[in-house]
Amino acid sequence: PIERFRLELLRGTILHFVGEQVAALAAYERALDLARLANSSPRESRALVKIAQLHTLHGRLDKASQLLAEAQSLSAAAHDDAALTEVYLRQSDVAARNGDQPGERSASIQALAHARASGSRQMLALGLSNIADSYLRSNEFAQSLQYSREALSLAKTLHRSALEQTVIFNMGIATIHVGSVKRGEEMI
């Protein structure tokens, strides 16, 4: 069942990437069933997060929140900081889409705390980038720059060019707003 779980999760990811959302959801749900059959909480949590992500993208935020709460419970019981990072990142996205700035900030702070505890440089880079974006959206530009600089230094070591580009763009916007217009424009 574990290999079939991986296959279904990969299938879902590929289908999602090519825009086949209904088929991706079916693959993720099969992965969830396999994880439950294997009694594997970490895999169950991963599948729930993937399903929640699809619901989030299609505006089904209540369903996404419900799935993320279940994934959070499983990940917390397993003391899995990397999984909790991903859950809180997704929760911050749901809160932002709901216009819940305090909820978004709280989830972003939790994501960063779990990313730091996880020991994963990749999760830490994502957590830092997310909190930097949170501060940028609330016009707290100095805070955004502080976290962006840390995220950028990590992203460069991970060779994550898309993440680097996003962080640099956000830094450019923040830099413009703290008064360095020319330098900020060069970043974006």
N, C-alpha and C. Protein backbone atom coordinates (compact mmCIF):
# COMPACT_ATOMS: atom_id res chain seq x y z
N PRO A 1 0.80 -1.22 0.00
CA PRO A 1 0.00 0.00 0.00
C PRO A 1 0.84 1.28 0.00
N ILE A 2 2.06 1.22 0.59
CA ILE A 2 2.89 2.43 0.66
C ILE A 2 3.32 2.87 -0.74
N GLU A 3 3.75 1.91 -1.56
CA GLU A 3 4.15 2.27 -2.93
C GLU A 3 2.95 2.79 -3.72
N ARG A 4 1.79 2.19 -3.51
CA ARG A 4 0.59 2.67 -4.20
C ARG A 4 0.22 4.06 -3.71
N PHE A 5 0.44 4.32 -2.42
CA PHE A 5 0.20 5.67 -1.89
C PHE A 5 1.08 6.68 -2.62
N ARG A 6 2.37 6.37 -2.70
CA ARG A 6 3.30 7.30 -3.38
C ARG A 6 2.89 7.53 -4.83
N LEU A 7 2.50 6.44 -5.49
CA LEU A 7 2.08 6.53 -6.89
C LEU A 7 0.85 7.43 -7.03
N GLU A 8 -0.14 7.25 -6.16
CA GLU A 8 -1.35 8.07 -6.24
C GLU A 8 -1.06 9.54 -5.92
N LEU A 9 -0.19 9.77 -4.93
CA LEU A 9 0.17 11.14 -4.59
C LEU A 9 0.89 11.80 -5.76
N LEU A 10 1.81 11.08 -6.38
CA LEU A 10 2.52 11.59 -7.56
C LEU A 10 1.56 11.82 -8.71
N ARG A 11 0.67 10.86 -8.93
CA ARG A 11 -0.33 11.01 -9.99
C ARG A 11 -1.17 12.27 -9.76
N GLY A 12 -1.60 12.47 -8.52
CA GLY A 12 -2.38 13.66 -8.19
C GLY A 12 -1.61 14.94 -8.45
N THR A 13 -0.34 14.94 -8.07
CA THR A 13 0.50 16.12 -8.27
C THR A 13 0.65 16.44 -9.76
N ILE A 14 0.89 15.42 -10.55
CA ILE A 14 1.06 15.62 -12.00
C ILE A 14 -0.25 16.09 -12.62
N LEU A 15 -1.35 15.44 -12.26
CA LEU A 15 -2.64 15.85 -12.80
C LEU A 15 -2.99 17.29 -12.40
N HIS A 16 -2.69 17.64 -11.17
CA HIS A 16 -2.90 19.01 -10.71
C HIS A 16 -2.08 19.97 -11.56
N PHE A 17 -0.82 19.63 -11.79
CA PHE A 17 0.09 20.48 -12.56
C PHE A 17 -0.42 20.72 -13.98
N VAL A 18 -1.02 19.69 -14.60
CA VAL A 18 -1.49 19.84 -15.98
C VAL A 18 -2.94 20.33 -16.06
N GLY A 19 -3.52 20.67 -14.90
CA GLY A 19 -4.84 21.28 -14.89
C GLY A 19 -6.01 20.32 -14.81
N GLU A 20 -5.75 19.07 -14.56
CA GLU A 20 -6.81 18.07 -14.43
C GLU A 20 -7.21 17.95 -12.97
N GLN A 21 -7.94 18.95 -12.48
CA GLN A 21 -8.23 19.05 -11.05
C GLN A 21 -9.13 17.93 -10.53
N VAL A 22 -10.14 17.54 -11.30
CA VAL A 22 -11.05 16.48 -10.85
C VAL A 22 -10.29 15.17 -10.72
N ALA A 23 -9.48 14.86 -11.71
CA ALA A 23 -8.68 13.62 -11.67
C ALA A 23 -7.63 13.70 -10.56
N ALA A 24 -7.07 14.88 -10.33
CA ALA A 24 -6.09 15.05 -9.26
C ALA A 24 -6.75 14.79 -7.91
N LEU A 25 -7.94 15.33 -7.72
CA LEU A 25 -8.65 15.12 -6.46
C LEU A 25 -8.93 13.63 -6.24
N ALA A 26 -9.34 12.94 -7.29
CA ALA A 26 -9.60 11.49 -7.17
C ALA A 26 -8.32 10.74 -6.79
N ALA A 27 -7.19 11.11 -7.37
CA ALA A 27 -5.91 10.45 -7.05
C ALA A 27 -5.52 10.74 -5.60
N TYR A 28 -5.69 11.98 -5.17
CA TYR A 28 -5.37 12.32 -3.77
C TYR A 28 -6.29 11.57 -2.80
N GLU A 29 -7.56 11.43 -3.17
CA GLU A 29 -8.49 10.71 -2.30
C GLU A 29 -8.13 9.22 -2.23
N ARG A 30 -7.66 8.65 -3.36
CA ARG A 30 -7.19 7.25 -3.32
C ARG A 30 -5.96 7.15 -2.43
N ALA A 31 -5.07 8.14 -2.50
CA ALA A 31 -3.88 8.15 -1.64
C ALA A 31 -4.30 8.22 -0.17
N LEU A 32 -5.30 9.04 0.12
CA LEU A 32 -5.80 9.15 1.49
C LEU A 32 -6.35 7.81 1.98
N ASP A 33 -7.12 7.14 1.13
CA ASP A 33 -7.66 5.82 1.50
C ASP A 33 -6.53 4.83 1.78
N LEU A 34 -5.49 4.84 0.95
CA LEU A 34 -4.35 3.94 1.14
C LEU A 34 -3.60 4.26 2.44
N ALA A 35 -3.46 5.54 2.75
CA ALA A 35 -2.78 5.94 3.98
C ALA A 35 -3.56 5.46 5.19
N ARG A 36 -4.87 5.59 5.11
CA ARG A 36 -5.71 5.13 6.22
C ARG A 36 -5.66 3.61 6.34
N LEU A 37 -5.65 2.93 5.21
CA LEU A 37 -5.56 1.47 5.20
C LEU A 37 -4.26 1.01 5.85
N ALA A 38 -3.18 1.74 5.59
CA ALA A 38 -1.86 1.41 6.15
C ALA A 38 -1.70 1.94 7.57
N ASN A 39 -2.71 2.66 8.07
CA ASN A 39 -2.66 3.26 9.41
C ASN A 39 -1.42 4.16 9.56
N SER A 40 -1.20 5.01 8.53
CA SER A 40 -0.04 5.88 8.49
C SER A 40 -0.47 7.34 8.63
N SER A 41 -0.37 7.85 9.83
CA SER A 41 -0.77 9.24 10.09
C SER A 41 0.01 10.25 9.26
N PRO A 42 1.34 10.11 9.11
CA PRO A 42 2.06 11.10 8.29
C PRO A 42 1.58 11.13 6.84
N ARG A 43 1.32 9.97 6.28
CA ARG A 43 0.84 9.93 4.90
C ARG A 43 -0.60 10.45 4.81
N GLU A 44 -1.39 10.13 5.80
CA GLU A 44 -2.77 10.62 5.83
C GLU A 44 -2.76 12.15 5.87
N SER A 45 -1.90 12.72 6.69
CA SER A 45 -1.79 14.17 6.79
C SER A 45 -1.37 14.78 5.45
N ARG A 46 -0.37 14.17 4.80
CA ARG A 46 0.08 14.69 3.49
C ARG A 46 -1.05 14.69 2.48
N ALA A 47 -1.82 13.60 2.44
CA ALA A 47 -2.92 13.52 1.49
C ALA A 47 -4.00 14.55 1.82
N LEU A 48 -4.31 14.71 3.09
CA LEU A 48 -5.30 15.71 3.49
C LEU A 48 -4.88 17.12 3.08
N VAL A 49 -3.59 17.44 3.23
CA VAL A 49 -3.09 18.76 2.85
C VAL A 49 -3.21 18.95 1.34
N LYS A 50 -2.91 17.92 0.57
CA LYS A 50 -3.03 18.02 -0.89
C LYS A 50 -4.49 18.24 -1.30
N ILE A 51 -5.40 17.50 -0.68
CA ILE A 51 -6.82 17.67 -0.99
C ILE A 51 -7.28 19.07 -0.58
N ALA A 52 -6.84 19.52 0.58
CA ALA A 52 -7.20 20.86 1.05
C ALA A 52 -6.68 21.94 0.09
N GLN A 53 -5.50 21.72 -0.44
CA GLN A 53 -4.94 22.68 -1.39
C GLN A 53 -5.85 22.83 -2.61
N LEU A 54 -6.33 21.72 -3.12
CA LEU A 54 -7.24 21.79 -4.27
C LEU A 54 -8.54 22.53 -3.91
N HIS A 55 -9.08 22.21 -2.75
CA HIS A 55 -10.31 22.90 -2.32
C HIS A 55 -10.05 24.40 -2.15
N THR A 56 -8.89 24.76 -1.63
CA THR A 56 -8.54 26.17 -1.47
C THR A 56 -8.50 26.88 -2.83
N LEU A 57 -7.85 26.27 -3.79
CA LEU A 57 -7.72 26.88 -5.11
C LEU A 57 -9.06 27.07 -5.80
N HIS A 58 -10.05 26.25 -5.42
CA HIS A 58 -11.37 26.35 -6.05
C HIS A 58 -12.38 27.06 -5.17
N GLY A 59 -11.87 27.74 -4.11
CA GLY A 59 -12.72 28.57 -3.30
C GLY A 59 -13.57 27.84 -2.28
N ARG A 60 -13.34 26.57 -2.10
CA ARG A 60 -14.08 25.81 -1.10
C ARG A 60 -13.30 25.87 0.22
N LEU A 61 -13.30 27.07 0.80
CA LEU A 61 -12.43 27.35 1.94
C LEU A 61 -12.89 26.66 3.22
N ASP A 62 -14.18 26.49 3.40
CA ASP A 62 -14.66 25.78 4.60
C ASP A 62 -14.20 24.33 4.58
N LYS A 63 -14.32 23.70 3.43
CA LYS A 63 -13.88 22.30 3.29
C LYS A 63 -12.37 22.21 3.50
N ALA A 64 -11.64 23.15 2.92
CA ALA A 64 -10.18 23.16 3.08
C ALA A 64 -9.82 23.31 4.56
N SER A 65 -10.50 24.20 5.26
CA SER A 65 -10.22 24.41 6.68
C SER A 65 -10.48 23.14 7.49
N GLN A 66 -11.55 22.46 7.17
CA GLN A 66 -11.90 21.22 7.86
C GLN A 66 -10.80 20.16 7.65
N LEU A 67 -10.35 20.01 6.42
CA LEU A 67 -9.30 19.03 6.11
C LEU A 67 -7.98 19.40 6.79
N LEU A 68 -7.67 20.69 6.78
CA LEU A 68 -6.43 21.14 7.42
C LEU A 68 -6.46 20.95 8.93
N ALA A 69 -7.62 21.12 9.54
CA ALA A 69 -7.74 20.88 10.98
C ALA A 69 -7.47 19.41 11.29
N GLU A 70 -7.96 18.53 10.43
CA GLU A 70 -7.71 17.10 10.62
C GLU A 70 -6.22 16.78 10.43
N ALA A 71 -5.62 17.37 9.41
CA ALA A 71 -4.18 17.16 9.17
C ALA A 71 -3.35 17.72 10.32
N GLN A 72 -3.76 18.87 10.84
CA GLN A 72 -3.05 19.47 11.97
C GLN A 72 -3.09 18.56 13.18
N SER A 73 -4.24 17.99 13.45
CA SER A 73 -4.39 17.08 14.60
C SER A 73 -3.47 15.87 14.45
N LEU A 74 -3.46 15.28 13.28
CA LEU A 74 -2.60 14.11 13.03
C LEU A 74 -1.13 14.47 13.16
N SER A 75 -0.73 15.59 12.58
CA SER A 75 0.68 16.00 12.59
C SER A 75 1.13 16.40 13.99
N ALA A 76 0.25 17.05 14.74
CA ALA A 76 0.60 17.42 16.11
C ALA A 76 0.78 16.18 16.98
N ALA A 77 -0.11 15.20 16.80
CA ALA A 77 0.00 13.96 17.58
C ALA A 77 1.30 13.23 17.28
N ALA A 78 1.79 13.37 16.05
CA ALA A 78 3.03 12.72 15.65
C ALA A 78 4.26 13.60 15.93
N HIS A 79 4.05 14.81 16.44
CA HIS A 79 5.13 15.77 16.70
C HIS A 79 5.96 15.99 15.42
N ASP A 80 5.27 16.14 14.29
CA ASP A 80 5.91 16.29 12.99
C ASP A 80 5.93 17.77 12.61
N ASP A 81 7.04 18.44 12.95
CA ASP A 81 7.13 19.89 12.70
C ASP A 81 7.13 20.23 11.23
N ALA A 82 7.72 19.40 10.38
CA ALA A 82 7.71 19.69 8.94
C ALA A 82 6.29 19.64 8.40
N ALA A 83 5.53 18.62 8.81
CA ALA A 83 4.14 18.52 8.37
C ALA A 83 3.31 19.68 8.92
N LEU A 84 3.55 20.05 10.17
CA LEU A 84 2.83 21.18 10.76
C LEU A 84 3.16 22.48 10.04
N THR A 85 4.39 22.62 9.58
CA THR A 85 4.76 23.80 8.80
C THR A 85 3.86 23.90 7.57
N GLU A 86 3.75 22.79 6.85
CA GLU A 86 2.94 22.80 5.63
C GLU A 86 1.46 23.06 5.95
N VAL A 87 0.97 22.46 7.01
CA VAL A 87 -0.43 22.67 7.40
C VAL A 87 -0.66 24.16 7.69
N TYR A 88 0.22 24.76 8.49
CA TYR A 88 0.03 26.17 8.83
C TYR A 88 0.22 27.10 7.62
N LEU A 89 1.11 26.74 6.70
CA LEU A 89 1.24 27.53 5.47
C LEU A 89 -0.08 27.52 4.70
N ARG A 90 -0.69 26.35 4.60
CA ARG A 90 -1.98 26.24 3.90
C ARG A 90 -3.08 26.97 4.66
N GLN A 91 -3.04 26.89 6.00
CA GLN A 91 -4.04 27.61 6.80
C GLN A 91 -3.89 29.12 6.62
N SER A 92 -2.67 29.60 6.49
CA SER A 92 -2.47 31.04 6.27
C SER A 92 -3.05 31.45 4.92
N ASP A 93 -2.92 30.59 3.92
CA ASP A 93 -3.49 30.87 2.60
C ASP A 93 -5.01 30.94 2.67
N VAL A 94 -5.61 29.98 3.36
CA VAL A 94 -7.08 29.97 3.51
C VAL A 94 -7.53 31.24 4.23
N ALA A 95 -6.85 31.59 5.32
CA ALA A 95 -7.23 32.79 6.08
C ALA A 95 -7.09 34.04 5.21
N ALA A 96 -6.01 34.14 4.44
CA ALA A 96 -5.82 35.30 3.56
C ALA A 96 -6.94 35.39 2.53
N ARG A 97 -7.32 34.26 1.96
CA ARG A 97 -8.40 34.26 0.97
C ARG A 97 -9.74 34.62 1.59
N ASN A 98 -9.87 34.37 2.89
CA ASN A 98 -11.10 34.73 3.61
C ASN A 98 -11.06 36.18 4.10
N GLY A 99 -9.94 36.87 3.88
CA GLY A 99 -9.80 38.24 4.36
C GLY A 99 -9.56 38.34 5.85
N ASP A 100 -9.10 37.25 6.43
CA ASP A 100 -8.84 37.17 7.87
C ASP A 100 -7.36 37.44 8.13
N GLN A 101 -6.99 38.73 8.19
CA GLN A 101 -5.58 39.09 8.36
C GLN A 101 -5.00 38.60 9.69
N PRO A 102 -5.71 38.73 10.82
CA PRO A 102 -5.15 38.20 12.07
C PRO A 102 -4.96 36.67 12.02
N GLY A 103 -5.91 35.96 11.41
CA GLY A 103 -5.78 34.51 11.28
C GLY A 103 -4.64 34.13 10.36
N GLU A 104 -4.47 34.91 9.30
CA GLU A 104 -3.37 34.66 8.36
C GLU A 104 -2.04 34.88 9.05
N ARG A 105 -1.93 35.97 9.81
CA ARG A 105 -0.66 36.27 10.51
C ARG A 105 -0.36 35.19 11.55
N SER A 106 -1.36 34.80 12.31
CA SER A 106 -1.17 33.77 13.33
C SER A 106 -0.69 32.46 12.71
N ALA A 107 -1.33 32.05 11.62
CA ALA A 107 -0.92 30.81 10.95
C ALA A 107 0.49 30.95 10.37
N SER A 108 0.83 32.13 9.86
CA SER A 108 2.17 32.35 9.31
C SER A 108 3.24 32.26 10.40
N ILE A 109 2.94 32.82 11.56
CA ILE A 109 3.88 32.76 12.69
C ILE A 109 4.05 31.31 13.15
N GLN A 110 2.95 30.57 13.21
CA GLN A 110 3.03 29.16 13.59
C GLN A 110 3.83 28.36 12.57
N ALA A 111 3.61 28.65 11.29
CA ALA A 111 4.35 27.95 10.24
C ALA A 111 5.85 28.18 10.41
N LEU A 112 6.23 29.42 10.68
CA LEU A 112 7.65 29.73 10.84
C LEU A 112 8.22 29.04 12.09
N ALA A 113 7.48 29.04 13.17
CA ALA A 113 7.96 28.38 14.39
C ALA A 113 8.19 26.89 14.16
N HIS A 114 7.26 26.24 13.47
CA HIS A 114 7.42 24.80 13.20
C HIS A 114 8.51 24.55 12.17
N ALA A 115 8.66 25.48 11.23
CA ALA A 115 9.74 25.34 10.24
C ALA A 115 11.10 25.39 10.94
N ARG A 116 11.25 26.33 11.85
CA ARG A 116 12.51 26.42 12.60
C ARG A 116 12.74 25.14 13.41
N ALA A 117 11.70 24.63 14.04
CA ALA A 117 11.82 23.42 14.87
C ALA A 117 12.08 22.17 14.03
N SER A 118 11.67 22.19 12.78
CA SER A 118 11.80 21.00 11.93
C SER A 118 13.24 20.70 11.54
N GLY A 119 14.08 21.74 11.50
CA GLY A 119 15.46 21.53 11.06
C GLY A 119 15.61 21.47 9.55
N SER A 120 14.51 21.62 8.82
CA SER A 120 14.54 21.57 7.36
C SER A 120 14.79 22.97 6.81
N ARG A 121 15.87 23.12 6.07
CA ARG A 121 16.17 24.42 5.46
C ARG A 121 15.12 24.80 4.43
N GLN A 122 14.59 23.83 3.73
CA GLN A 122 13.56 24.12 2.73
C GLN A 122 12.29 24.63 3.40
N MET A 123 11.87 23.96 4.46
CA MET A 123 10.68 24.42 5.18
C MET A 123 10.91 25.79 5.80
N LEU A 124 12.11 26.01 6.31
CA LEU A 124 12.43 27.31 6.90
C LEU A 124 12.37 28.41 5.84
N ALA A 125 12.92 28.15 4.66
CA ALA A 125 12.86 29.15 3.59
C ALA A 125 11.41 29.46 3.22
N LEU A 126 10.56 28.45 3.15
CA LEU A 126 9.15 28.67 2.84
C LEU A 126 8.46 29.44 3.96
N GLY A 127 8.75 29.07 5.21
CA GLY A 127 8.15 29.77 6.34
C GLY A 127 8.55 31.23 6.39
N LEU A 128 9.83 31.50 6.14
CA LEU A 128 10.32 32.88 6.14
C LEU A 128 9.71 33.69 5.00
N SER A 129 9.63 33.09 3.84
CA SER A 129 9.03 33.76 2.69
C SER A 129 7.56 34.08 2.95
N ASN A 130 6.88 33.14 3.57
CA ASN A 130 5.45 33.34 3.87
C ASN A 130 5.24 34.46 4.88
N ILE A 131 6.02 34.48 5.95
CA ILE A 131 5.84 35.54 6.96
C ILE A 131 6.26 36.89 6.37
N ALA A 132 7.27 36.91 5.52
CA ALA A 132 7.68 38.15 4.86
C ALA A 132 6.53 38.69 4.00
N ASP A 133 5.87 37.79 3.29
CA ASP A 133 4.73 38.18 2.47
C ASP A 133 3.58 38.69 3.34
N SER A 134 3.38 38.06 4.48
CA SER A 134 2.34 38.49 5.40
C SER A 134 2.57 39.94 5.85
N TYR A 135 3.81 40.24 6.22
CA TYR A 135 4.12 41.61 6.65
C TYR A 135 4.03 42.58 5.48
N LEU A 136 4.37 42.14 4.29
CA LEU A 136 4.27 43.00 3.11
C LEU A 136 2.80 43.38 2.87
N ARG A 137 1.89 42.40 2.97
CA ARG A 137 0.47 42.65 2.72
C ARG A 137 -0.14 43.59 3.76
N SER A 138 0.45 43.65 4.95
CA SER A 138 -0.08 44.56 5.97
C SER A 138 0.74 45.85 6.07
N ASN A 139 1.54 46.12 5.04
CA ASN A 139 2.32 47.35 4.92
C ASN A 139 3.36 47.53 6.04
N GLU A 140 3.85 46.44 6.57
CA GLU A 140 4.92 46.47 7.57
C GLU A 140 6.22 46.11 6.84
N PHE A 141 6.72 47.09 6.10
CA PHE A 141 7.77 46.85 5.13
C PHE A 141 9.12 46.51 5.75
N ALA A 142 9.47 47.14 6.85
CA ALA A 142 10.76 46.82 7.48
C ALA A 142 10.79 45.37 7.95
N GLN A 143 9.68 44.92 8.56
CA GLN A 143 9.59 43.52 9.01
C GLN A 143 9.67 42.58 7.81
N SER A 144 8.96 42.94 6.75
CA SER A 144 8.98 42.12 5.54
C SER A 144 10.39 41.97 4.99
N LEU A 145 11.11 43.07 4.95
CA LEU A 145 12.49 43.02 4.46
C LEU A 145 13.38 42.15 5.34
N GLN A 146 13.20 42.24 6.64
CA GLN A 146 14.01 41.45 7.56
C GLN A 146 13.84 39.95 7.27
N TYR A 147 12.60 39.49 7.19
CA TYR A 147 12.36 38.07 6.93
C TYR A 147 12.73 37.69 5.49
N SER A 148 12.53 38.61 4.56
CA SER A 148 12.88 38.34 3.16
C SER A 148 14.37 38.11 2.99
N ARG A 149 15.18 38.91 3.68
CA ARG A 149 16.64 38.73 3.57
C ARG A 149 17.05 37.34 4.05
N GLU A 150 16.48 36.93 5.16
CA GLU A 150 16.79 35.60 5.69
C GLU A 150 16.30 34.50 4.73
N ALA A 151 15.11 34.69 4.18
CA ALA A 151 14.56 33.71 3.23
C ALA A 151 15.42 33.63 1.98
N LEU A 152 15.87 34.78 1.49
CA LEU A 152 16.67 34.81 0.27
C LEU A 152 18.00 34.10 0.46
N SER A 153 18.65 34.32 1.59
CA SER A 153 19.93 33.66 1.80
C SER A 153 19.76 32.14 1.83
N LEU A 154 18.68 31.67 2.41
CA LEU A 154 18.41 30.22 2.43
C LEU A 154 18.02 29.72 1.05
N ALA A 155 17.14 30.44 0.37
CA ALA A 155 16.67 30.00 -0.95
C ALA A 155 17.83 29.84 -1.92
N LYS A 156 18.82 30.71 -1.82
CA LYS A 156 19.98 30.61 -2.71
C LYS A 156 20.75 29.32 -2.48
N THR A 157 20.85 28.88 -1.23
CA THR A 157 21.58 27.65 -0.95
C THR A 157 20.78 26.41 -1.37
N LEU A 158 19.47 26.57 -1.49
CA LEU A 158 18.61 25.45 -1.88
C LEU A 158 18.44 25.35 -3.39
N HIS A 159 18.92 26.36 -4.10
CA HIS A 159 18.80 26.41 -5.56
C HIS A 159 17.32 26.35 -5.97
N ARG A 160 16.51 27.16 -5.28
CA ARG A 160 15.07 27.26 -5.57
C ARG A 160 14.84 28.59 -6.27
N SER A 161 15.05 28.61 -7.58
CA SER A 161 14.99 29.88 -8.31
C SER A 161 13.61 30.53 -8.24
N ALA A 162 12.54 29.75 -8.27
CA ALA A 162 11.20 30.35 -8.20
C ALA A 162 11.00 31.04 -6.84
N LEU A 163 11.45 30.40 -5.79
CA LEU A 163 11.34 31.00 -4.46
C LEU A 163 12.22 32.25 -4.38
N GLU A 164 13.44 32.17 -4.91
CA GLU A 164 14.33 33.33 -4.93
C GLU A 164 13.66 34.51 -5.64
N GLN A 165 13.08 34.24 -6.81
CA GLN A 165 12.46 35.30 -7.59
C GLN A 165 11.29 35.94 -6.84
N THR A 166 10.50 35.11 -6.18
CA THR A 166 9.36 35.63 -5.41
C THR A 166 9.85 36.52 -4.27
N VAL A 167 10.87 36.05 -3.56
CA VAL A 167 11.40 36.81 -2.43
C VAL A 167 12.00 38.13 -2.91
N ILE A 168 12.74 38.09 -3.99
CA ILE A 168 13.35 39.31 -4.53
C ILE A 168 12.28 40.30 -4.97
N PHE A 169 11.22 39.81 -5.60
CA PHE A 169 10.13 40.68 -6.02
C PHE A 169 9.50 41.35 -4.79
N ASN A 170 9.19 40.55 -3.77
CA ASN A 170 8.61 41.11 -2.54
C ASN A 170 9.56 42.11 -1.88
N MET A 171 10.85 41.80 -1.91
CA MET A 171 11.84 42.73 -1.35
C MET A 171 11.83 44.04 -2.13
N GLY A 172 11.67 43.95 -3.43
CA GLY A 172 11.62 45.15 -4.26
C GLY A 172 10.45 46.05 -3.88
N ILE A 173 9.29 45.44 -3.70
CA ILE A 173 8.11 46.23 -3.31
C ILE A 173 8.33 46.87 -1.94
N ALA A 174 8.84 46.09 -0.99
CA ALA A 174 9.08 46.62 0.36
C ALA A 174 10.13 47.72 0.33
N THR A 175 11.17 47.53 -0.48
CA THR A 175 12.25 48.51 -0.58
C THR A 175 11.74 49.83 -1.13
N ILE A 176 10.85 49.77 -2.12
CA ILE A 176 10.24 50.98 -2.66
C ILE A 176 9.48 51.72 -1.56
N HIS A 177 8.74 50.98 -0.76
CA HIS A 177 7.90 51.60 0.26
C HIS A 177 8.69 52.12 1.46
N VAL A 178 9.93 51.68 1.64
CA VAL A 178 10.73 52.26 2.72
C VAL A 178 11.58 53.42 2.20
N GLY A 179 11.37 53.79 0.93
CA GLY A 179 11.98 55.01 0.42
C GLY A 179 13.10 54.83 -0.59
N SER A 180 13.49 53.63 -0.90
CA SER A 180 14.56 53.41 -1.88
C SER A 180 13.93 52.98 -3.21
N VAL A 181 13.30 53.95 -3.89
CA VAL A 181 12.52 53.65 -5.08
C VAL A 181 13.38 53.04 -6.18
N LYS A 182 14.51 53.66 -6.51
CA LYS A 182 15.34 53.17 -7.61
C LYS A 182 15.85 51.76 -7.32
N ARG A 183 16.34 51.54 -6.11
CA ARG A 183 16.84 50.20 -5.74
C ARG A 183 15.72 49.17 -5.77
N GLY A 184 14.56 49.54 -5.28
CA GLY A 184 13.41 48.62 -5.29
C GLY A 184 12.95 48.29 -6.70
N GLU A 185 12.92 49.28 -7.58
CA GLU A 185 12.52 49.05 -8.97
C GLU A 185 13.47 48.11 -9.66
N GLU A 186 14.76 48.18 -9.31
CA GLU A 186 15.73 47.26 -9.92
C GLU A 186 15.46 45.81 -9.51
N MET A 187 14.86 45.61 -8.35
CA MET A 187 14.57 44.26 -7.87
C MET A 187 13.34 43.66 -8.53
N ILE A 188 12.41 44.53 -8.94
CA ILE A 188 11.20 44.01 -9.56
C ILE A 188 11.26 44.23 -11.05
